PDB file of N, CA and C in Angstrom:
ATOM      1  N   UNK A   1     -12.051 -13.167 -14.911  1.00  0.00           N
ATOM      2  CA  UNK A   1     -10.751 -12.533 -14.799  1.00  0.00           C
ATOM      3  C   UNK A   1      -9.658 -13.558 -15.075  1.00  0.00           C
ATOM      4  N   UNK A   2      -8.574 -13.084 -15.585  1.00  0.00           N
ATOM      5  CA  UNK A   2      -7.443 -13.950 -15.898  1.00  0.00           C
ATOM      6  C   UNK A   2      -6.481 -13.928 -14.713  1.00  0.00           C
ATOM      7  N   UNK A   3      -6.591 -14.926 -13.857  1.00  0.00           N
ATOM      8  CA  UNK A   3      -5.711 -15.042 -12.696  1.00  0.00           C
ATOM      9  C   UNK A   3      -5.052 -16.412 -12.709  1.00  0.00           C
ATOM     10  N   UNK A   4      -4.043 -16.578 -11.862  1.00  0.00           N
ATOM     11  CA  UNK A   4      -3.234 -17.795 -11.890  1.00  0.00           C
ATOM     12  C   UNK A   4      -3.743 -18.923 -10.999  1.00  0.00           C
ATOM     13  N   UNK A   5      -4.804 -18.687 -10.252  1.00  0.00           N
ATOM     14  CA  UNK A   5      -5.423 -19.749  -9.468  1.00  0.00           C
ATOM     15  C   UNK A   5      -6.808 -19.293  -9.023  1.00  0.00           C
ATOM     16  N   UNK A   6      -7.489 -20.119  -8.261  1.00  0.00           N
ATOM     17  CA  UNK A   6      -8.840 -19.773  -7.812  1.00  0.00           C
ATOM     18  C   UNK A   6      -8.854 -18.699  -6.730  1.00  0.00           C
ATOM     19  N   UNK A   7      -7.679 -18.292  -6.259  1.00  0.00           N
ATOM     20  CA  UNK A   7      -7.574 -17.245  -5.242  1.00  0.00           C
ATOM     21  C   UNK A   7      -7.131 -15.910  -5.831  1.00  0.00           C
ATOM     22  N   UNK A   8      -7.212 -15.766  -7.130  1.00  0.00           N
ATOM     23  CA  UNK A   8      -6.875 -14.537  -7.850  1.00  0.00           C
ATOM     24  C   UNK A   8      -5.394 -14.180  -7.792  1.00  0.00           C
ATOM     25  N   UNK A   9      -4.540 -15.172  -7.686  1.00  0.00           N
ATOM     26  CA  UNK A   9      -3.096 -14.937  -7.674  1.00  0.00           C
ATOM     27  C   UNK A   9      -2.640 -14.365  -9.013  1.00  0.00           C
ATOM     28  N   UNK A  10      -1.667 -13.486  -8.958  1.00  0.00           N
ATOM     29  CA  UNK A  10      -1.074 -12.913 -10.159  1.00  0.00           C
ATOM     30  C   UNK A  10       0.374 -13.373 -10.345  1.00  0.00           C
ATOM     31  N   UNK A  11       0.803 -14.360  -9.582  1.00  0.00           N
ATOM     32  CA  UNK A  11       2.160 -14.883  -9.685  1.00  0.00           C
ATOM     33  C   UNK A  11       2.254 -15.796 -10.900  1.00  0.00           C
ATOM     34  N   UNK A  12       3.024 -15.367 -11.886  1.00  0.00           N
ATOM     35  CA  UNK A  12       3.139 -16.137 -13.123  1.00  0.00           C
ATOM     36  C   UNK A  12       4.334 -17.077 -13.012  1.00  0.00           C
ATOM     37  N   UNK A  13       4.042 -18.358 -12.998  1.00  0.00           N
ATOM     38  CA  UNK A  13       5.064 -19.399 -12.971  1.00  0.00           C
ATOM     39  C   UNK A  13       4.509 -20.601 -13.730  1.00  0.00           C
ATOM     40  N   UNK A  14       5.216 -21.710 -13.715  1.00  0.00           N
ATOM     41  CA  UNK A  14       4.753 -22.870 -14.488  1.00  0.00           C
ATOM     42  C   UNK A  14       3.408 -23.387 -13.979  1.00  0.00           C
ATOM     43  N   UNK A  15       3.171 -23.294 -12.678  1.00  0.00           N
ATOM     44  CA  UNK A  15       1.879 -23.722 -12.131  1.00  0.00           C
ATOM     45  C   UNK A  15       0.753 -22.830 -12.665  1.00  0.00           C
ATOM     46  N   UNK A  16       1.042 -21.555 -12.806  1.00  0.00           N
ATOM     47  CA  UNK A  16       0.058 -20.615 -13.346  1.00  0.00           C
ATOM     48  C   UNK A  16      -0.297 -20.984 -14.786  1.00  0.00           C
ATOM     49  N   UNK A  17       0.710 -21.245 -15.583  1.00  0.00           N
ATOM     50  CA  UNK A  17       0.475 -21.601 -16.988  1.00  0.00           C
ATOM     51  C   UNK A  17      -0.360 -22.877 -17.073  1.00  0.00           C
ATOM     52  N   UNK A  18      -0.030 -23.852 -16.253  1.00  0.00           N
ATOM     53  CA  UNK A  18      -0.787 -25.102 -16.226  1.00  0.00           C
ATOM     54  C   UNK A  18      -2.236 -24.842 -15.834  1.00  0.00           C
ATOM     55  N   UNK A  19      -2.427 -24.015 -14.813  1.00  0.00           N
ATOM     56  CA  UNK A  19      -3.780 -23.674 -14.360  1.00  0.00           C
ATOM     57  C   UNK A  19      -4.572 -22.994 -15.473  1.00  0.00           C
ATOM     58  N   UNK A  20      -3.972 -21.991 -16.101  1.00  0.00           N
ATOM     59  CA  UNK A  20      -4.669 -21.253 -17.153  1.00  0.00           C
ATOM     60  C   UNK A  20      -5.042 -22.149 -18.326  1.00  0.00           C
ATOM     61  N   UNK A  21      -4.133 -23.008 -18.727  1.00  0.00           N
ATOM     62  CA  UNK A  21      -4.427 -23.919 -19.835  1.00  0.00           C
ATOM     63  C   UNK A  21      -5.531 -24.901 -19.470  1.00  0.00           C
ATOM     64  N   UNK A  22      -5.543 -25.353 -18.215  1.00  0.00           N
ATOM     65  CA  UNK A  22      -6.596 -26.289 -17.814  1.00  0.00           C
ATOM     66  C   UNK A  22      -7.951 -25.587 -17.721  1.00  0.00           C
ATOM     67  N   UNK A  23      -7.942 -24.325 -17.331  1.00  0.00           N
ATOM     68  CA  UNK A  23      -9.196 -23.583 -17.181  1.00  0.00           C
ATOM     69  C   UNK A  23      -9.742 -23.091 -18.519  1.00  0.00           C
ATOM     70  N   UNK A  24      -8.871 -22.534 -19.360  1.00  0.00           N
ATOM     71  CA  UNK A  24      -9.321 -21.877 -20.583  1.00  0.00           C
ATOM     72  C   UNK A  24      -9.002 -22.647 -21.860  1.00  0.00           C
ATOM     73  N   UNK A  25      -8.015 -23.524 -21.828  1.00  0.00           N
ATOM     74  CA  UNK A  25      -7.562 -24.186 -23.050  1.00  0.00           C
ATOM     75  C   UNK A  25      -6.731 -23.224 -23.885  1.00  0.00           C
ATOM     76  N   UNK A  26      -5.991 -23.761 -24.829  1.00  0.00           N
ATOM     77  CA  UNK A  26      -5.112 -22.922 -25.646  1.00  0.00           C
ATOM     78  C   UNK A  26      -5.909 -21.888 -26.450  1.00  0.00           C
ATOM     79  N   UNK A  27      -7.015 -22.304 -27.036  1.00  0.00           N
ATOM     80  CA  UNK A  27      -7.829 -21.367 -27.818  1.00  0.00           C
ATOM     81  C   UNK A  27      -8.448 -20.291 -26.931  1.00  0.00           C
ATOM     82  N   UNK A  28      -8.858 -20.669 -25.742  1.00  0.00           N
ATOM     83  CA  UNK A  28      -9.430 -19.693 -24.819  1.00  0.00           C
ATOM     84  C   UNK A  28      -8.414 -18.651 -24.388  1.00  0.00           C
ATOM     85  N   UNK A  29      -7.205 -19.099 -24.105  1.00  0.00           N
ATOM     86  CA  UNK A  29      -6.140 -18.174 -23.702  1.00  0.00           C
ATOM     87  C   UNK A  29      -5.859 -17.172 -24.821  1.00  0.00           C
ATOM     88  N   UNK A  30      -5.935 -17.620 -26.053  1.00  0.00           N
ATOM     89  CA  UNK A  30      -5.667 -16.733 -27.185  1.00  0.00           C
ATOM     90  C   UNK A  30      -6.687 -15.603 -27.300  1.00  0.00           C
ATOM     91  N   UNK A  31      -7.815 -15.729 -26.632  1.00  0.00           N
ATOM     92  CA  UNK A  31      -8.837 -14.679 -26.685  1.00  0.00           C
ATOM     93  C   UNK A  31      -8.511 -13.498 -25.774  1.00  0.00           C
ATOM     94  N   UNK A  32      -7.556 -13.664 -24.875  1.00  0.00           N
ATOM     95  CA  UNK A  32      -7.139 -12.574 -23.997  1.00  0.00           C
ATOM     96  C   UNK A  32      -6.019 -11.803 -24.693  1.00  0.00           C
ATOM     97  N   UNK A  33      -6.406 -10.819 -25.493  1.00  0.00           N
ATOM     98  CA  UNK A  33      -5.408 -10.051 -26.234  1.00  0.00           C
ATOM     99  C   UNK A  33      -5.867  -8.609 -26.378  1.00  0.00           C
ATOM    100  N   UNK A  34      -4.947  -7.761 -26.738  1.00  0.00           N
ATOM    101  CA  UNK A  34      -5.273  -6.359 -26.974  1.00  0.00           C
ATOM    102  C   UNK A  34      -6.252  -6.246 -28.143  1.00  0.00           C
ATOM    103  N   UNK A  35      -6.065  -7.061 -29.157  1.00  0.00           N
ATOM    104  CA  UNK A  35      -6.960  -7.028 -30.313  1.00  0.00           C
ATOM    105  C   UNK A  35      -8.371  -7.465 -29.931  1.00  0.00           C
ATOM    106  N   UNK A  36      -8.484  -8.510 -29.137  1.00  0.00           N
ATOM    107  CA  UNK A  36      -9.811  -8.949 -28.690  1.00  0.00           C
ATOM    108  C   UNK A  36     -10.487  -7.871 -27.854  1.00  0.00           C
ATOM    109  N   UNK A  37      -9.721  -7.212 -27.012  1.00  0.00           N
ATOM    110  CA  UNK A  37     -10.284  -6.127 -26.200  1.00  0.00           C
ATOM    111  C   UNK A  37     -10.765  -4.983 -27.092  1.00  0.00           C
ATOM    112  N   UNK A  38     -10.031  -4.692 -28.149  1.00  0.00           N
ATOM    113  CA  UNK A  38     -10.446  -3.638 -29.084  1.00  0.00           C
ATOM    114  C   UNK A  38     -11.767  -4.000 -29.755  1.00  0.00           C
ATOM    115  N   UNK A  39     -11.901  -5.249 -30.145  1.00  0.00           N
ATOM    116  CA  UNK A  39     -13.162  -5.688 -30.751  1.00  0.00           C
ATOM    117  C   UNK A  39     -14.311  -5.595 -29.746  1.00  0.00           C
ATOM    118  N   UNK A  40     -14.053  -5.987 -28.505  1.00  0.00           N
ATOM    119  CA  UNK A  40     -15.088  -5.902 -27.465  1.00  0.00           C
ATOM    120  C   UNK A  40     -15.537  -4.461 -27.252  1.00  0.00           C
ATOM    121  N   UNK A  41     -14.577  -3.543 -27.214  1.00  0.00           N
ATOM    122  CA  UNK A  41     -14.924  -2.134 -27.034  1.00  0.00           C
ATOM    123  C   UNK A  41     -15.757  -1.625 -28.207  1.00  0.00           C
ATOM    124  N   UNK A  42     -15.411  -2.030 -29.396  1.00  0.00           N
ATOM    125  CA  UNK A  42     -16.173  -1.613 -30.569  1.00  0.00           C
ATOM    126  C   UNK A  42     -17.629  -2.062 -30.468  1.00  0.00           C
ATOM    127  N   UNK A  43     -17.832  -3.278 -30.033  1.00  0.00           N
ATOM    128  CA  UNK A  43     -19.198  -3.791 -29.875  1.00  0.00           C
ATOM    129  C   UNK A  43     -19.960  -2.958 -28.847  1.00  0.00           C
ATOM    130  N   UNK A  44     -19.308  -2.624 -27.742  1.00  0.00           N
ATOM    131  CA  UNK A  44     -19.957  -1.819 -26.706  1.00  0.00           C
ATOM    132  C   UNK A  44     -20.300  -0.423 -27.223  1.00  0.00           C
ATOM    133  N   UNK A  45     -19.379   0.189 -27.931  1.00  0.00           N
ATOM    134  CA  UNK A  45     -19.621   1.534 -28.462  1.00  0.00           C
ATOM    135  C   UNK A  45     -20.751   1.508 -29.489  1.00  0.00           C
ATOM    136  N   UNK A  46     -20.716   0.538 -30.377  1.00  0.00           N
ATOM    137  CA  UNK A  46     -21.763   0.460 -31.396  1.00  0.00           C
ATOM    138  C   UNK A  46     -23.128   0.203 -30.768  1.00  0.00           C
ATOM    139  N   UNK A  47     -23.160  -0.584 -29.716  1.00  0.00           N
ATOM    140  CA  UNK A  47     -24.416  -0.816 -28.999  1.00  0.00           C
ATOM    141  C   UNK A  47     -24.911   0.481 -28.363  1.00  0.00           C
ATOM    142  N   UNK A  48     -24.001   1.223 -27.752  1.00  0.00           N
ATOM    143  CA  UNK A  48     -24.347   2.508 -27.139  1.00  0.00           C
ATOM    144  C   UNK A  48     -24.868   3.486 -28.192  1.00  0.00           C
ATOM    145  N   UNK A  49     -24.217   3.495 -29.349  1.00  0.00           N
ATOM    146  CA  UNK A  49     -24.588   4.437 -30.403  1.00  0.00           C
ATOM    147  C   UNK A  49     -25.941   4.121 -31.037  1.00  0.00           C
ATOM    148  N   UNK A  50     -26.455   2.950 -30.815  1.00  0.00           N
ATOM    149  CA  UNK A  50     -27.785   2.617 -31.324  1.00  0.00           C
ATOM    150  C   UNK A  50     -28.814   3.592 -30.764  1.00  0.00           C
ATOM    151  N   UNK A  51     -28.699   3.902 -29.479  1.00  0.00           N
ATOM    152  CA  UNK A  51     -29.623   4.838 -28.827  1.00  0.00           C
ATOM    153  C   UNK A  51     -29.056   6.246 -28.706  1.00  0.00           C
ATOM    154  N   UNK A  52     -27.751   6.395 -28.896  1.00  0.00           N
ATOM    155  CA  UNK A  52     -27.078   7.685 -28.736  1.00  0.00           C
ATOM    156  C   UNK A  52     -26.160   7.926 -29.927  1.00  0.00           C
ATOM    157  N   UNK A  53     -26.724   8.295 -31.075  1.00  0.00           N
ATOM    158  CA  UNK A  53     -25.889   8.456 -32.264  1.00  0.00           C
ATOM    159  C   UNK A  53     -24.842   9.558 -32.089  1.00  0.00           C
ATOM    160  N   UNK A  54     -23.777   9.414 -32.811  1.00  0.00           N
ATOM    161  CA  UNK A  54     -22.703  10.401 -32.763  1.00  0.00           C
ATOM    162  C   UNK A  54     -21.383   9.753 -32.396  1.00  0.00           C
ATOM    163  N   UNK A  55     -20.371  10.579 -32.354  1.00  0.00           N
ATOM    164  CA  UNK A  55     -19.034  10.078 -32.041  1.00  0.00           C
ATOM    165  C   UNK A  55     -18.862   9.929 -30.536  1.00  0.00           C
ATOM    166  N   UNK A  56     -17.973   9.047 -30.160  1.00  0.00           N
ATOM    167  CA  UNK A  56     -17.685   8.762 -28.760  1.00  0.00           C
ATOM    168  C   UNK A  56     -16.215   9.058 -28.512  1.00  0.00           C
ATOM    169  N   UNK A  57     -15.915   9.717 -27.410  1.00  0.00           N
ATOM    170  CA  UNK A  57     -14.528   9.969 -27.030  1.00  0.00           C
ATOM    171  C   UNK A  57     -14.070   8.945 -26.005  1.00  0.00           C
ATOM    172  N   UNK A  58     -12.832   8.492 -26.129  1.00  0.00           N
ATOM    173  CA  UNK A  58     -12.263   7.527 -25.188  1.00  0.00           C
ATOM    174  C   UNK A  58     -10.937   8.083 -24.689  1.00  0.00           C
ATOM    175  N   UNK A  59     -10.754   8.095 -23.384  1.00  0.00           N
ATOM    176  CA  UNK A  59      -9.515   8.557 -22.767  1.00  0.00           C
ATOM    177  C   UNK A  59      -8.742   7.344 -22.270  1.00  0.00           C
ATOM    178  N   UNK A  60      -7.471   7.277 -22.580  1.00  0.00           N
ATOM    179  CA  UNK A  60      -6.646   6.151 -22.142  1.00  0.00           C
ATOM    180  C   UNK A  60      -5.419   6.663 -21.399  1.00  0.00           C
ATOM    181  N   UNK A  61      -5.044   5.940 -20.357  1.00  0.00           N
ATOM    182  CA  UNK A  61      -3.878   6.282 -19.548  1.00  0.00           C
ATOM    183  C   UNK A  61      -3.068   5.008 -19.316  1.00  0.00           C
ATOM    184  N   UNK A  62      -1.763   5.120 -19.304  1.00  0.00           N
ATOM    185  CA  UNK A  62      -0.847   4.023 -19.011  1.00  0.00           C
ATOM    186  C   UNK A  62      -1.056   2.868 -19.994  1.00  0.00           C
ATOM    187  N   UNK A  63      -1.318   1.654 -19.497  1.00  0.00           N
ATOM    188  CA  UNK A  63      -1.515   0.501 -20.380  1.00  0.00           C
ATOM    189  C   UNK A  63      -2.662   0.750 -21.355  1.00  0.00           C
ATOM    190  N   UNK A  64      -3.612   1.542 -20.957  1.00  0.00           N
ATOM    191  CA  UNK A  64      -4.741   1.857 -21.819  1.00  0.00           C
ATOM    192  C   UNK A  64      -4.333   2.522 -23.118  1.00  0.00           C
ATOM    193  N   UNK A  65      -3.187   3.203 -23.131  1.00  0.00           N
ATOM    194  CA  UNK A  65      -2.745   3.843 -24.370  1.00  0.00           C
ATOM    195  C   UNK A  65      -2.377   2.804 -25.426  1.00  0.00           C
ATOM    196  N   UNK A  66      -1.760   1.707 -25.005  1.00  0.00           N
ATOM    197  CA  UNK A  66      -1.451   0.614 -25.935  1.00  0.00           C
ATOM    198  C   UNK A  66      -2.746   0.010 -26.461  1.00  0.00           C
ATOM    199  N   UNK A  67      -3.662  -0.200 -25.554  1.00  0.00           N
ATOM    200  CA  UNK A  67      -4.943  -0.798 -25.888  1.00  0.00           C
ATOM    201  C   UNK A  67      -5.733   0.109 -26.838  1.00  0.00           C
ATOM    202  N   UNK A  68      -5.774   1.400 -26.533  1.00  0.00           N
ATOM    203  CA  UNK A  68      -6.500   2.337 -27.386  1.00  0.00           C
ATOM    204  C   UNK A  68      -5.816   2.492 -28.745  1.00  0.00           C
ATOM    205  N   UNK A  69      -4.500   2.441 -28.764  1.00  0.00           N
ATOM    206  CA  UNK A  69      -3.786   2.510 -30.039  1.00  0.00           C
ATOM    207  C   UNK A  69      -4.226   1.371 -30.953  1.00  0.00           C
ATOM    208  N   UNK A  70      -4.337   0.171 -30.404  1.00  0.00           N
ATOM    209  CA  UNK A  70      -4.786  -0.973 -31.207  1.00  0.00           C
ATOM    210  C   UNK A  70      -6.222  -0.773 -31.670  1.00  0.00           C
ATOM    211  N   UNK A  71      -7.054  -0.274 -30.778  1.00  0.00           N
ATOM    212  CA  UNK A  71      -8.448  -0.003 -31.126  1.00  0.00           C
ATOM    213  C   UNK A  71      -8.523   0.969 -32.305  1.00  0.00           C
ATOM    214  N   UNK A  72      -7.741   2.044 -32.251  1.00  0.00           N
ATOM    215  CA  UNK A  72      -7.771   3.053 -33.313  1.00  0.00           C
ATOM    216  C   UNK A  72      -7.207   2.529 -34.629  1.00  0.00           C
ATOM    217  N   UNK A  73      -6.300   1.563 -34.561  1.00  0.00           N
ATOM    218  CA  UNK A  73      -5.803   0.948 -35.791  1.00  0.00           C
ATOM    219  C   UNK A  73      -6.914   0.178 -36.497  1.00  0.00           C
ATOM    220  N   UNK A  74      -7.748  -0.479 -35.719  1.00  0.00           N
ATOM    221  CA  UNK A  74      -8.812  -1.305 -36.290  1.00  0.00           C
ATOM    222  C   UNK A  74     -10.054  -0.481 -36.614  1.00  0.00           C
ATOM    223  N   UNK A  75     -10.391   0.465 -35.732  1.00  0.00           N
ATOM    224  CA  UNK A  75     -11.621   1.258 -35.859  1.00  0.00           C
ATOM    225  C   UNK A  75     -11.296   2.755 -35.812  1.00  0.00           C
ATOM    226  N   UNK A  76     -10.659   3.293 -36.823  1.00  0.00           N
ATOM    227  CA  UNK A  76     -10.196   4.686 -36.757  1.00  0.00           C
ATOM    228  C   UNK A  76     -11.302   5.742 -36.748  1.00  0.00           C
ATOM    229  N   UNK A  77     -12.502   5.396 -37.147  1.00  0.00           N
ATOM    230  CA  UNK A  77     -13.555   6.413 -37.228  1.00  0.00           C
ATOM    231  C   UNK A  77     -14.642   6.258 -36.167  1.00  0.00           C
ATOM    232  N   UNK A  78     -14.495   5.311 -35.264  1.00  0.00           N
ATOM    233  CA  UNK A  78     -15.547   5.063 -34.275  1.00  0.00           C
ATOM    234  C   UNK A  78     -15.518   6.079 -33.139  1.00  0.00           C
ATOM    235  N   UNK A  79     -14.336   6.509 -32.730  1.00  0.00           N
ATOM    236  CA  UNK A  79     -14.215   7.455 -31.617  1.00  0.00           C
ATOM    237  C   UNK A  79     -13.401   8.668 -32.045  1.00  0.00           C
ATOM    238  N   UNK A  80     -13.474   9.711 -31.229  1.00  0.00           N
ATOM    239  CA  UNK A  80     -12.648  10.888 -31.464  1.00  0.00           C
ATOM    240  C   UNK A  80     -11.266  10.626 -30.905  1.00  0.00           C
ATOM    241  N   UNK A  81     -10.250  10.836 -31.703  1.00  0.00           N
ATOM    242  CA  UNK A  81      -8.880  10.601 -31.235  1.00  0.00           C
ATOM    243  C   UNK A  81      -8.218  11.912 -30.878  1.00  0.00           C
TER     244      UNK A  81
END
């Protein structure tokens, strides 16, 4: 999980940024993105479809709508929109 300290703090300040960079590095931090999440979901769906062929429906609410929008931009035919 992406938290600001070892106690799962969500307070974003300079100490948080320092902690995250020390834990993940700049390249690691760049992997936490909506686009990366879309790619991860695609891998999960494709793995599922190996044993369960067909289209998959995904429901998104709140922040998930932004995330699903990015997913559909990259993979428009993987799920039912």
